[in-house]
C-alpha atoms as a PDB file:
ATOM      1  CA  UNK A   1     -18.627  30.781  25.969  1.00  0.00           C
ATOM      2  CA  UNK A   2     -21.297  31.012  23.270  1.00  0.00           C
ATOM      3  CA  UNK A   3     -20.131  31.738  19.757  1.00  0.00           C
ATOM      4  CA  UNK A   4     -16.650  30.244  20.174  1.00  0.00           C
ATOM      5  CA  UNK A   5     -17.282  26.984  18.330  1.00  0.00           C
ATOM      6  CA  UNK A   6     -15.016  28.113  15.503  1.00  0.00           C
ATOM      7  CA  UNK A   7     -12.264  29.271  17.853  1.00  0.00           C
ATOM      8  CA  UNK A   8     -10.122  26.171  17.287  1.00  0.00           C
ATOM      9  CA  UNK A   9     -10.227  26.585  13.523  1.00  0.00           C
ATOM     10  CA  UNK A  10      -9.509  30.301  13.786  1.00  0.00           C
ATOM     11  CA  UNK A  11      -6.615  29.627  16.141  1.00  0.00           C
ATOM     12  CA  UNK A  12      -5.167  27.136  13.673  1.00  0.00           C
ATOM     13  CA  UNK A  13      -5.430  29.743  10.926  1.00  0.00           C
ATOM     14  CA  UNK A  14      -3.691  32.276  13.125  1.00  0.00           C
ATOM     15  CA  UNK A  15      -0.894  29.817  13.841  1.00  0.00           C
ATOM     16  CA  UNK A  16      -0.431  29.153  10.148  1.00  0.00           C
ATOM     17  CA  UNK A  17      -0.392  32.858   9.330  1.00  0.00           C
ATOM     18  CA  UNK A  18       2.119  33.566  12.077  1.00  0.00           C
ATOM     19  CA  UNK A  19       4.427  30.650  11.337  1.00  0.00           C
ATOM     20  CA  UNK A  20       6.839  32.966   9.605  1.00  0.00           C
ATOM     21  CA  UNK A  21       7.331  34.663  12.964  1.00  0.00           C
ATOM     22  CA  UNK A  22       8.044  31.379  14.732  1.00  0.00           C
ATOM     23  CA  UNK A  23      11.467  30.504  13.363  1.00  0.00           C
ATOM     24  CA  UNK A  24      13.973  31.223  16.137  1.00  0.00           C
ATOM     25  CA  UNK A  25      16.359  34.015  15.272  1.00  0.00           C
ATOM     26  CA  UNK A  26      14.931  34.536  11.785  1.00  0.00           C
ATOM     27  CA  UNK A  27      11.333  35.697  11.696  1.00  0.00           C
ATOM     28  CA  UNK A  28      10.761  36.794  15.269  1.00  0.00           C
ATOM     29  CA  UNK A  29      11.688  40.191  16.670  1.00  0.00           C
ATOM     30  CA  UNK A  30      11.165  41.540  20.156  1.00  0.00           C
ATOM     31  CA  UNK A  31       9.276  44.688  19.214  1.00  0.00           C
ATOM     32  CA  UNK A  32      10.110  45.162  15.573  1.00  0.00           C
ATOM     33  CA  UNK A  33       8.269  42.354  13.851  1.00  0.00           C
ATOM     34  CA  UNK A  34       6.203  44.933  11.997  1.00  0.00           C
ATOM     35  CA  UNK A  35       9.344  45.818  10.002  1.00  0.00           C
ATOM     36  CA  UNK A  36       9.075  42.338   8.498  1.00  0.00           C
ATOM     37  CA  UNK A  37       5.436  42.766   7.491  1.00  0.00           C
ATOM     38  CA  UNK A  38       3.731  45.600   5.632  1.00  0.00           C
ATOM     39  CA  UNK A  39       0.160  46.778   6.222  1.00  0.00           C
ATOM     40  CA  UNK A  40      -1.377  44.253   3.800  1.00  0.00           C
ATOM     41  CA  UNK A  41       0.473  41.296   5.302  1.00  0.00           C
ATOM     42  CA  UNK A  42      -0.335  42.430   8.829  1.00  0.00           C
ATOM     43  CA  UNK A  43      -3.999  42.841   7.921  1.00  0.00           C
ATOM     44  CA  UNK A  44      -4.108  39.279   6.565  1.00  0.00           C
ATOM     45  CA  UNK A  45      -2.461  38.069   9.758  1.00  0.00           C
ATOM     46  CA  UNK A  46      -5.109  39.811  11.878  1.00  0.00           C
ATOM     47  CA  UNK A  47      -7.940  38.417   9.732  1.00  0.00           C
ATOM     48  CA  UNK A  48      -6.626  34.926  10.399  1.00  0.00           C
ATOM     49  CA  UNK A  49      -6.280  35.558  14.124  1.00  0.00           C
ATOM     50  CA  UNK A  50     -10.003  35.946  14.948  1.00  0.00           C
ATOM     51  CA  UNK A  51     -10.842  33.673  17.903  1.00  0.00           C
ATOM     52  CA  UNK A  52     -14.350  34.958  18.697  1.00  0.00           C
ATOM     53  CA  UNK A  53     -17.086  36.752  16.781  1.00  0.00           C
ATOM     54  CA  UNK A  54     -20.561  37.216  18.198  1.00  0.00           C
ATOM     55  CA  UNK A  55     -22.910  40.178  17.991  1.00  0.00           C
ATOM     56  CA  UNK A  56     -20.974  43.385  18.556  1.00  0.00           C
ATOM     57  CA  UNK A  57     -17.905  41.579  19.948  1.00  0.00           C
ATOM     58  CA  UNK A  58     -14.815  40.516  18.052  1.00  0.00           C
ATOM     59  CA  UNK A  59     -11.668  39.028  19.592  1.00  0.00           C
ATOM     60  CA  UNK A  60      -8.252  38.682  17.951  1.00  0.00           C
ATOM     61  CA  UNK A  61      -5.108  36.851  19.007  1.00  0.00           C
ATOM     62  CA  UNK A  62      -2.513  39.614  18.602  1.00  0.00           C
ATOM     63  CA  UNK A  63       1.116  38.837  17.717  1.00  0.00           C
ATOM     64  CA  UNK A  64       3.854  40.553  19.747  1.00  0.00           C
ATOM     65  CA  UNK A  65       5.259  43.857  18.560  1.00  0.00           C
ATOM     66  CA  UNK A  66       2.044  45.353  17.209  1.00  0.00           C
ATOM     67  CA  UNK A  67       1.073  48.506  19.141  1.00  0.00           C
ATOM     68  CA  UNK A  68      -2.578  49.297  19.716  1.00  0.00           C
ATOM     69  CA  UNK A  69      -1.961  53.015  19.194  1.00  0.00           C
ATOM     70  CA  UNK A  70       1.033  54.364  17.294  1.00  0.00           C
ATOM     71  CA  UNK A  71       2.626  57.650  16.418  1.00  0.00           C
ATOM     72  CA  UNK A  72       1.647  59.255  13.099  1.00  0.00           C
ATOM     73  CA  UNK A  73       3.000  57.096  10.304  1.00  0.00           C
ATOM     74  CA  UNK A  74       3.408  54.012  12.510  1.00  0.00           C
ATOM     75  CA  UNK A  75       1.729  50.710  11.740  1.00  0.00           C
ATOM     76  CA  UNK A  76      -0.693  49.970  14.581  1.00  0.00           C
ATOM     77  CA  UNK A  77      -3.906  48.101  15.236  1.00  0.00           C
ATOM     78  CA  UNK A  78      -5.811  51.387  15.410  1.00  0.00           C
ATOM     79  CA  UNK A  79      -4.650  52.320  11.905  1.00  0.00           C
ATOM     80  CA  UNK A  80      -5.727  48.918  10.550  1.00  0.00           C
ATOM     81  CA  UNK A  81      -9.169  48.778  12.208  1.00  0.00           C
ATOM     82  CA  UNK A  82     -11.111  50.488   9.365  1.00  0.00           C
ATOM     83  CA  UNK A  83      -9.661  48.074   6.793  1.00  0.00           C
ATOM     84  CA  UNK A  84     -10.215  45.106   9.123  1.00  0.00           C
ATOM     85  CA  UNK A  85     -13.853  46.127   9.532  1.00  0.00           C
ATOM     86  CA  UNK A  86     -14.335  46.186   5.753  1.00  0.00           C
ATOM     87  CA  UNK A  87     -12.558  42.863   5.216  1.00  0.00           C
ATOM     88  CA  UNK A  88     -14.712  41.190   7.858  1.00  0.00           C
ATOM     89  CA  UNK A  89     -17.910  42.705   6.458  1.00  0.00           C
ATOM     90  CA  UNK A  90     -18.854  44.675   9.576  1.00  0.00           C
ATOM     91  CA  UNK A  91     -21.227  47.635   9.318  1.00  0.00           C
ATOM     92  CA  UNK A  92     -19.989  49.726  12.250  1.00  0.00           C
ATOM     93  CA  UNK A  93     -16.571  50.991  13.338  1.00  0.00           C
ATOM     94  CA  UNK A  94     -14.567  48.890  15.775  1.00  0.00           C
ATOM     95  CA  UNK A  95     -13.432  50.138  19.193  1.00  0.00           C
ATOM     96  CA  UNK A  96     -10.737  48.614  21.392  1.00  0.00           C
ATOM     97  CA  UNK A  97     -12.221  47.328  24.657  1.00  0.00           C
ATOM     98  CA  UNK A  98      -9.145  45.653  26.111  1.00  0.00           C
ATOM     99  CA  UNK A  99      -5.750  44.744  24.688  1.00  0.00           C
ATOM    100  CA  UNK A 100      -2.298  43.666  25.841  1.00  0.00           C
ATOM    101  CA  UNK A 101       0.716  45.947  25.600  1.00  0.00           C
ATOM    102  CA  UNK A 102       2.684  46.272  22.382  1.00  0.00           C
ATOM    103  CA  UNK A 103       5.346  43.726  23.341  1.00  0.00           C
ATOM    104  CA  UNK A 104       2.804  41.131  24.548  1.00  0.00           C
ATOM    105  CA  UNK A 105       0.871  38.673  22.448  1.00  0.00           C
ATOM    106  CA  UNK A 106      -2.689  37.599  23.133  1.00  0.00           C
ATOM    107  CA  UNK A 107      -6.316  38.601  23.301  1.00  0.00           C
ATOM    108  CA  UNK A 108      -7.528  41.887  21.865  1.00  0.00           C
ATOM    109  CA  UNK A 109     -11.215  42.493  22.571  1.00  0.00           C
ATOM    110  CA  UNK A 110     -12.990  44.747  20.062  1.00  0.00           C
ATOM    111  CA  UNK A 111     -16.545  46.022  19.862  1.00  0.00           C
ATOM    112  CA  UNK A 112     -18.612  47.580  17.086  1.00  0.00           C
ATOM    113  CA  UNK A 113     -21.024  49.125  19.620  1.00  0.00           C
ATOM    114  CA  UNK A 114     -19.978  52.144  21.679  1.00  0.00           C
ATOM    115  CA  UNK A 115     -22.317  51.262  24.565  1.00  0.00           C
ATOM    116  CA  UNK A 116     -21.017  47.681  24.658  1.00  0.00           C
ATOM    117  CA  UNK A 117     -17.465  49.028  24.772  1.00  0.00           C
ATOM    118  CA  UNK A 118     -18.205  51.272  27.754  1.00  0.00           C
ATOM    119  CA  UNK A 119     -20.173  48.552  29.529  1.00  0.00           C
ATOM    120  CA  UNK A 120     -17.332  46.022  29.253  1.00  0.00           C
ATOM    121  CA  UNK A 121     -14.660  48.515  30.263  1.00  0.00           C
ATOM    122  CA  UNK A 122     -16.706  49.290  33.374  1.00  0.00           C
ATOM    123  CA  UNK A 123     -17.105  45.543  33.990  1.00  0.00           C
ATOM    124  CA  UNK A 124     -13.312  45.075  34.041  1.00  0.00           C
ATOM    125  CA  UNK A 125     -12.875  48.066  36.375  1.00  0.00           C
ATOM    126  CA  UNK A 126     -15.574  46.804  38.768  1.00  0.00           C
ATOM    127  CA  UNK A 127     -14.113  43.282  38.736  1.00  0.00           C
ATOM    128  CA  UNK A 128     -10.731  44.578  39.900  1.00  0.00           C
ATOM    129  CA  UNK A 129     -12.379  46.645  42.657  1.00  0.00           C
ATOM    130  CA  UNK A 130     -14.158  43.478  43.840  1.00  0.00           C
ATOM    131  CA  UNK A 131     -10.807  41.717  44.138  1.00  0.00           C
ATOM    132  CA  UNK A 132     -11.294  39.596  41.020  1.00  0.00           C
ATOM    133  CA  UNK A 133      -8.726  38.933  38.311  1.00  0.00           C
ATOM    134  CA  UNK A 134     -10.402  39.169  34.882  1.00  0.00           C
ATOM    135  CA  UNK A 135      -7.164  38.824  32.866  1.00  0.00           C
ATOM    136  CA  UNK A 136      -4.856  35.805  32.933  1.00  0.00           C
ATOM    137  CA  UNK A 137      -1.431  35.804  31.295  1.00  0.00           C
ATOM    138  CA  UNK A 138       1.173  33.116  30.641  1.00  0.00           C
ATOM    139  CA  UNK A 139       4.878  33.902  30.913  1.00  0.00           C
ATOM    140  CA  UNK A 140       8.058  31.911  30.409  1.00  0.00           C
ATOM    141  CA  UNK A 141      10.705  33.034  32.875  1.00  0.00           C
ATOM    142  CA  UNK A 142      14.445  32.679  33.296  1.00  0.00           C
ATOM    143  CA  UNK A 143      14.517  31.497  36.884  1.00  0.00           C
ATOM    144  CA  UNK A 144      11.966  29.802  39.128  1.00  0.00           C
ATOM    145  CA  UNK A 145      10.192  31.672  41.977  1.00  0.00           C
ATOM    146  CA  UNK A 146      11.078  30.530  45.486  1.00  0.00           C
ATOM    147  CA  UNK A 147       7.373  30.004  46.267  1.00  0.00           C
ATOM    148  CA  UNK A 148       4.988  28.048  44.034  1.00  0.00           C
ATOM    149  CA  UNK A 149       2.395  30.816  44.238  1.00  0.00           C
ATOM    150  CA  UNK A 150       2.011  34.222  45.779  1.00  0.00           C
ATOM    151  CA  UNK A 151       1.561  37.931  45.144  1.00  0.00           C
ATOM    152  CA  UNK A 152       3.906  40.701  44.056  1.00  0.00           C
ATOM    153  CA  UNK A 153       2.874  44.048  45.509  1.00  0.00           C
ATOM    154  CA  UNK A 154       4.807  47.278  45.032  1.00  0.00           C
ATOM    155  CA  UNK A 155       4.471  50.869  43.976  1.00  0.00           C
ATOM    156  CA  UNK A 156       5.431  51.679  40.390  1.00  0.00           C
ATOM    157  CA  UNK A 157       6.344  55.017  38.862  1.00  0.00           C
ATOM    158  CA  UNK A 158       7.952  56.528  35.798  1.00  0.00           C
ATOM    159  CA  UNK A 159      11.506  57.736  36.331  1.00  0.00           C
ATOM    160  CA  UNK A 160      13.699  59.646  33.909  1.00  0.00           C
ATOM    161  CA  UNK A 161      17.058  57.937  33.376  1.00  0.00           C
ATOM    162  CA  UNK A 162      19.208  59.868  30.983  1.00  0.00           C
ATOM    163  CA  UNK A 163      17.268  60.390  27.776  1.00  0.00           C
ATOM    164  CA  UNK A 164      14.634  57.738  28.470  1.00  0.00           C
ATOM    165  CA  UNK A 165      11.793  57.163  30.907  1.00  0.00           C
ATOM    166  CA  UNK A 166      11.729  53.864  32.784  1.00  0.00           C
ATOM    167  CA  UNK A 167       9.138  52.152  34.974  1.00  0.00           C
ATOM    168  CA  UNK A 168      10.733  51.526  38.377  1.00  0.00           C
ATOM    169  CA  UNK A 169       9.507  49.889  41.596  1.00  0.00           C
ATOM    170  CA  UNK A 170       8.829  52.018  44.661  1.00  0.00           C
ATOM    171  CA  UNK A 171       8.692  49.495  47.551  1.00  0.00           C
ATOM    172  CA  UNK A 172       7.181  51.809  50.187  1.00  0.00           C
ATOM    173  CA  UNK A 173       5.408  54.719  48.496  1.00  0.00           C
ATOM    174  CA  UNK A 174       4.295  57.591  50.712  1.00  0.00           C
ATOM    175  CA  UNK A 175       0.733  58.784  50.984  1.00  0.00           C
ATOM    176  CA  UNK A 176       1.486  62.058  49.236  1.00  0.00           C
ATOM    177  CA  UNK A 177       3.101  60.415  46.228  1.00  0.00           C
ATOM    178  CA  UNK A 178       0.118  58.054  45.941  1.00  0.00           C
ATOM    179  CA  UNK A 179      -2.358  60.929  46.313  1.00  0.00           C
ATOM    180  CA  UNK A 180      -0.539  62.954  43.640  1.00  0.00           C
ATOM    181  CA  UNK A 181      -0.498  59.789  41.499  1.00  0.00           C
ATOM    182  CA  UNK A 182       3.271  60.047  41.130  1.00  0.00           C
ATOM    183  CA  UNK A 183       3.291  56.410  42.252  1.00  0.00           C
ATOM    184  CA  UNK A 184       0.638  53.732  41.788  1.00  0.00           C
ATOM    185  CA  UNK A 185       0.181  50.732  44.074  1.00  0.00           C
ATOM    186  CA  UNK A 186       0.224  47.585  41.950  1.00  0.00           C
ATOM    187  CA  UNK A 187      -0.411  43.907  42.582  1.00  0.00           C
ATOM    188  CA  UNK A 188      -0.011  40.736  40.533  1.00  0.00           C
ATOM    189  CA  UNK A 189      -0.935  37.227  41.611  1.00  0.00           C
ATOM    190  CA  UNK A 190       1.305  34.459  40.232  1.00  0.00           C
ATOM    191  CA  UNK A 191       1.410  30.668  40.142  1.00  0.00           C
ATOM    192  CA  UNK A 192       4.124  28.344  38.863  1.00  0.00           C
ATOM    193  CA  UNK A 193       2.549  25.938  36.374  1.00  0.00           C
ATOM    194  CA  UNK A 194       5.739  24.010  35.599  1.00  0.00           C
ATOM    195  CA  UNK A 195       9.487  24.352  36.015  1.00  0.00           C
ATOM    196  CA  UNK A 196      12.383  22.568  34.297  1.00  0.00           C
ATOM    197  CA  UNK A 197      16.105  23.316  34.211  1.00  0.00           C
ATOM    198  CA  UNK A 198      15.945  26.739  35.830  1.00  0.00           C
ATOM    199  CA  UNK A 199      13.086  28.049  33.657  1.00  0.00           C
ATOM    200  CA  UNK A 200       9.388  28.185  34.468  1.00  0.00           C
ATOM    201  CA  UNK A 201       5.944  28.653  32.959  1.00  0.00           C
ATOM    202  CA  UNK A 202       3.974  31.067  35.132  1.00  0.00           C
ATOM    203  CA  UNK A 203       0.358  32.128  35.324  1.00  0.00           C
ATOM    204  CA  UNK A 204       0.065  35.855  36.009  1.00  0.00           C
ATOM    205  CA  UNK A 205      -3.106  37.684  37.048  1.00  0.00           C
ATOM    206  CA  UNK A 206      -2.701  41.454  37.484  1.00  0.00           C
ATOM    207  CA  UNK A 207      -5.118  43.135  39.880  1.00  0.00           C
ATOM    208  CA  UNK A 208      -3.995  46.570  38.676  1.00  0.00           C
ATOM    209  CA  UNK A 209      -2.951  48.014  35.335  1.00  0.00           C
ATOM    210  CA  UNK A 210       0.309  49.912  34.855  1.00  0.00           C
ATOM    211  CA  UNK A 211       2.685  49.970  31.856  1.00  0.00           C
ATOM    212  CA  UNK A 212       5.256  47.151  32.029  1.00  0.00           C
ATOM    213  CA  UNK A 213       3.825  46.009  35.366  1.00  0.00           C
ATOM    214  CA  UNK A 214       4.270  42.303  34.653  1.00  0.00           C
ATOM    215  CA  UNK A 215       7.882  42.668  33.510  1.00  0.00           C
ATOM    216  CA  UNK A 216       8.882  44.692  36.585  1.00  0.00           C
ATOM    217  CA  UNK A 217       7.044  42.356  38.945  1.00  0.00           C
ATOM    218  CA  UNK A 218       8.851  39.361  37.452  1.00  0.00           C
ATOM    219  CA  UNK A 219      12.214  41.018  38.039  1.00  0.00           C
ATOM    220  CA  UNK A 220      11.211  41.513  41.687  1.00  0.00           C
ATOM    221  CA  UNK A 221      10.672  37.733  41.809  1.00  0.00           C
ATOM    222  CA  UNK A 222      14.236  37.476  40.369  1.00  0.00           C
ATOM    223  CA  UNK A 223      12.696  35.633  37.409  1.00  0.00           C
ATOM    224  CA  UNK A 224      12.622  37.968  34.398  1.00  0.00           C
ATOM    225  CA  UNK A 225      10.501  37.043  31.401  1.00  0.00           C
ATOM    226  CA  UNK A 226      12.311  35.397  28.526  1.00  0.00           C
ATOM    227  CA  UNK A 227      12.855  38.013  25.821  1.00  0.00           C
ATOM    228  CA  UNK A 228      12.611  40.973  28.208  1.00  0.00           C
ATOM    229  CA  UNK A 229      15.406  43.160  26.856  1.00  0.00           C
ATOM    230  CA  UNK A 230      14.323  46.161  28.918  1.00  0.00           C
ATOM    231  CA  UNK A 231      14.100  45.030  32.540  1.00  0.00           C
ATOM    232  CA  UNK A 232      15.930  41.692  32.784  1.00  0.00           C
ATOM    233  CA  UNK A 233      19.292  43.399  33.376  1.00  0.00           C
ATOM    234  CA  UNK A 234      17.990  44.385  36.838  1.00  0.00           C
ATOM    235  CA  UNK A 235      18.503  40.768  37.906  1.00  0.00           C
ATOM    236  CA  UNK A 236      22.190  40.117  38.465  1.00  0.00           C
ATOM    237  CA  UNK A 237      23.945  36.892  39.466  1.00  0.00           C
ATOM    238  CA  UNK A 238      26.908  36.096  41.685  1.00  0.00           C
ATOM    239  CA  UNK A 239      28.033  32.449  41.682  1.00  0.00           C
ATOM    240  CA  UNK A 240      24.655  31.553  40.199  1.00  0.00           C
ATOM    241  CA  UNK A 241      22.653  33.300  42.932  1.00  0.00           C
ATOM    242  CA  UNK A 242      20.270  35.981  41.593  1.00  0.00           C
ATOM    243  CA  UNK A 243      19.890  39.395  43.213  1.00  0.00           C
ATOM    244  CA  UNK A 244      18.018  42.590  42.351  1.00  0.00           C
ATOM    245  CA  UNK A 245      19.916  45.607  41.043  1.00  0.00           C
ATOM    246  CA  UNK A 246      18.500  49.068  41.614  1.00  0.00           C
ATOM    247  CA  UNK A 247      17.243  50.701  38.412  1.00  0.00           C
ATOM    248  CA  UNK A 248      19.955  53.372  38.736  1.00  0.00           C
ATOM    249  CA  UNK A 249      22.783  50.834  38.766  1.00  0.00           C
ATOM    250  CA  UNK A 250      21.343  48.327  36.293  1.00  0.00           C
ATOM    251  CA  UNK A 251      22.460  48.743  32.681  1.00  0.00           C
ATOM    252  CA  UNK A 252      19.875  48.380  29.919  1.00  0.00           C
ATOM    253  CA  UNK A 253      20.865  45.839  27.316  1.00  0.00           C
ATOM    254  CA  UNK A 254      19.705  42.765  25.447  1.00  0.00           C
ATOM    255  CA  UNK A 255      18.846  39.936  27.815  1.00  0.00           C
ATOM    256  CA  UNK A 256      21.863  37.785  28.674  1.00  0.00           C
ATOM    257  CA  UNK A 257      21.408  33.993  28.735  1.00  0.00           C
ATOM    258  CA  UNK A 258      24.014  31.399  29.627  1.00  0.00           C
ATOM    259  CA  UNK A 259      25.432  29.023  27.001  1.00  0.00           C
ATOM    260  CA  UNK A 260      23.444  26.031  28.248  1.00  0.00           C
ATOM    261  CA  UNK A 261      20.108  27.865  27.929  1.00  0.00           C
ATOM    262  CA  UNK A 262      21.060  29.282  24.530  1.00  0.00           C
ATOM    263  CA  UNK A 263      21.820  25.752  23.378  1.00  0.00           C
ATOM    264  CA  UNK A 264      18.447  24.477  24.598  1.00  0.00           C
ATOM    265  CA  UNK A 265      16.714  27.282  22.707  1.00  0.00           C
ATOM    266  CA  UNK A 266      18.836  26.727  19.590  1.00  0.00           C
ATOM    267  CA  UNK A 267      20.012  30.340  19.580  1.00  0.00           C
ATOM    268  CA  UNK A 268      23.342  32.066  19.199  1.00  0.00           C
ATOM    269  CA  UNK A 269      24.231  35.159  21.288  1.00  0.00           C
ATOM    270  CA  UNK A 270      23.903  37.241  18.111  1.00  0.00           C
ATOM    271  CA  UNK A 271      20.276  36.125  17.681  1.00  0.00           C
ATOM    272  CA  UNK A 272      19.205  37.054  21.209  1.00  0.00           C
ATOM    273  CA  UNK A 273      18.005  40.575  20.403  1.00  0.00           C
ATOM    274  CA  UNK A 274      15.462  39.017  17.994  1.00  0.00           C
ATOM    275  CA  UNK A 275      13.914  36.949  20.798  1.00  0.00           C
ATOM    276  CA  UNK A 276      10.363  38.255  21.501  1.00  0.00           C
ATOM    277  CA  UNK A 277       8.947  38.831  24.953  1.00  0.00           C
ATOM    278  CA  UNK A 278       7.320  35.626  26.205  1.00  0.00           C
ATOM    279  CA  UNK A 279       4.259  37.112  27.916  1.00  0.00           C
ATOM    280  CA  UNK A 280       0.858  36.179  26.479  1.00  0.00           C
ATOM    281  CA  UNK A 281      -2.653  37.342  27.431  1.00  0.00           C
ATOM    282  CA  UNK A 282      -4.399  33.991  27.349  1.00  0.00           C
ATOM    283  CA  UNK A 283      -7.780  34.551  28.981  1.00  0.00           C
ATOM    284  CA  UNK A 284     -10.307  37.300  29.673  1.00  0.00           C
ATOM    285  CA  UNK A 285     -13.347  36.706  31.860  1.00  0.00           C
ATOM    286  CA  UNK A 286     -16.425  38.396  30.386  1.00  0.00           C
ATOM    287  CA  UNK A 287     -19.938  38.600  31.888  1.00  0.00           C
ATOM    288  CA  UNK A 288     -20.937  35.608  29.719  1.00  0.00           C
ATOM    289  CA  UNK A 289     -17.877  33.532  30.603  1.00  0.00           C
ATOM    290  CA  UNK A 290     -14.166  33.158  29.801  1.00  0.00           C
ATOM    291  CA  UNK A 291     -12.647  33.892  26.406  1.00  0.00           C
ATOM    292  CA  UNK A 292      -9.307  32.262  25.551  1.00  0.00           C
ATOM    293  CA  UNK A 293      -6.584  32.477  22.914  1.00  0.00           C
ATOM    294  CA  UNK A 294      -3.744  29.964  22.441  1.00  0.00           C
ATOM    295  CA  UNK A 295      -0.124  31.143  22.737  1.00  0.00           C
ATOM    296  CA  UNK A 296       1.632  31.994  19.452  1.00  0.00           C
ATOM    297  CA  UNK A 297       3.817  29.408  17.664  1.00  0.00           C
ATOM    298  CA  UNK A 298       7.136  30.820  18.926  1.00  0.00           C
ATOM    299  CA  UNK A 299       5.861  30.583  22.532  1.00  0.00           C
ATOM    300  CA  UNK A 300       4.907  26.918  22.051  1.00  0.00           C
ATOM    301  CA  UNK A 301       8.222  26.275  20.296  1.00  0.00           C
ATOM    302  CA  UNK A 302      10.079  27.644  23.343  1.00  0.00           C
ATOM    303  CA  UNK A 303       8.051  25.459  25.710  1.00  0.00           C
ATOM    304  CA  UNK A 304       9.022  22.389  23.700  1.00  0.00           C
ATOM    305  CA  UNK A 305      12.688  23.407  23.602  1.00  0.00           C
ATOM    306  CA  UNK A 306      12.737  23.855  27.387  1.00  0.00           C
ATOM    307  CA  UNK A 307      10.706  20.719  28.103  1.00  0.00           C
ATOM    308  CA  UNK A 308       7.935  22.682  29.823  1.00  0.00           C
ATOM    309  CA  UNK A 309       4.381  21.232  29.606  1.00  0.00           C
ATOM    310  CA  UNK A 310       2.031  23.463  27.594  1.00  0.00           C
ATOM    311  CA  UNK A 311      -0.917  23.434  30.064  1.00  0.00           C
END
């Protein structure tokens, strides 16, 4: 894509800036890395994570744990955008065109032109209606899908469980629930890129957009994402054979890994709750061509520990 000649250098800068987050069990945190960094440090990290800058478009490689929008007083990308604009010498305000969820790392597409923002958002919507997959993610999973490639299709809805709301699968949603938008039909295409020792590197391409869609879909494959401390407990095991637990019967707790996998990752059970979610938005297809961002250092570190090729 035009204007990405400096992407490799920018990616290297981002990796250097984020190296403090890459030490297993020390710098990384699943969703609380922002507690380690204040606004100034986070701003410097974002400045070093620019992977594309051309005309009105700016793309960053977001670390995990940074929300796009936050509650009042929270540190979020939206709060930092005015300062980022000034530091990068831009004349106009920045708008978010597309971004991964808080827990994910990867591409954040920004625009300093309102019309460009609306045009690209419509482009992504139209692409999905045409059956295309404009966003491509990478995920490291605990477990290997039975099929090398396929699709996960299910309804998803929010369900209140105690004092918290959870995203749950609805395998056969009725017409009324879909019409009322109580349930949304969702679909993700997946492909196994490599698999070693019971773990896998997957390519994920969502056709639809729903909060936590990728995490829930991976649990339906019986292969939860590494570092998923919210949904992985829905996959139980009996004599090493995985099975799916209903959301009502599945406890919510830090992901549980066996001793052999912990040893390969160089982690102790006490360090597990610091393990970040290993889902990364790696590529977005724009009208001019694809835009890519390399996985963060901790993601690459995990691949090396598990012996999975980086692709």
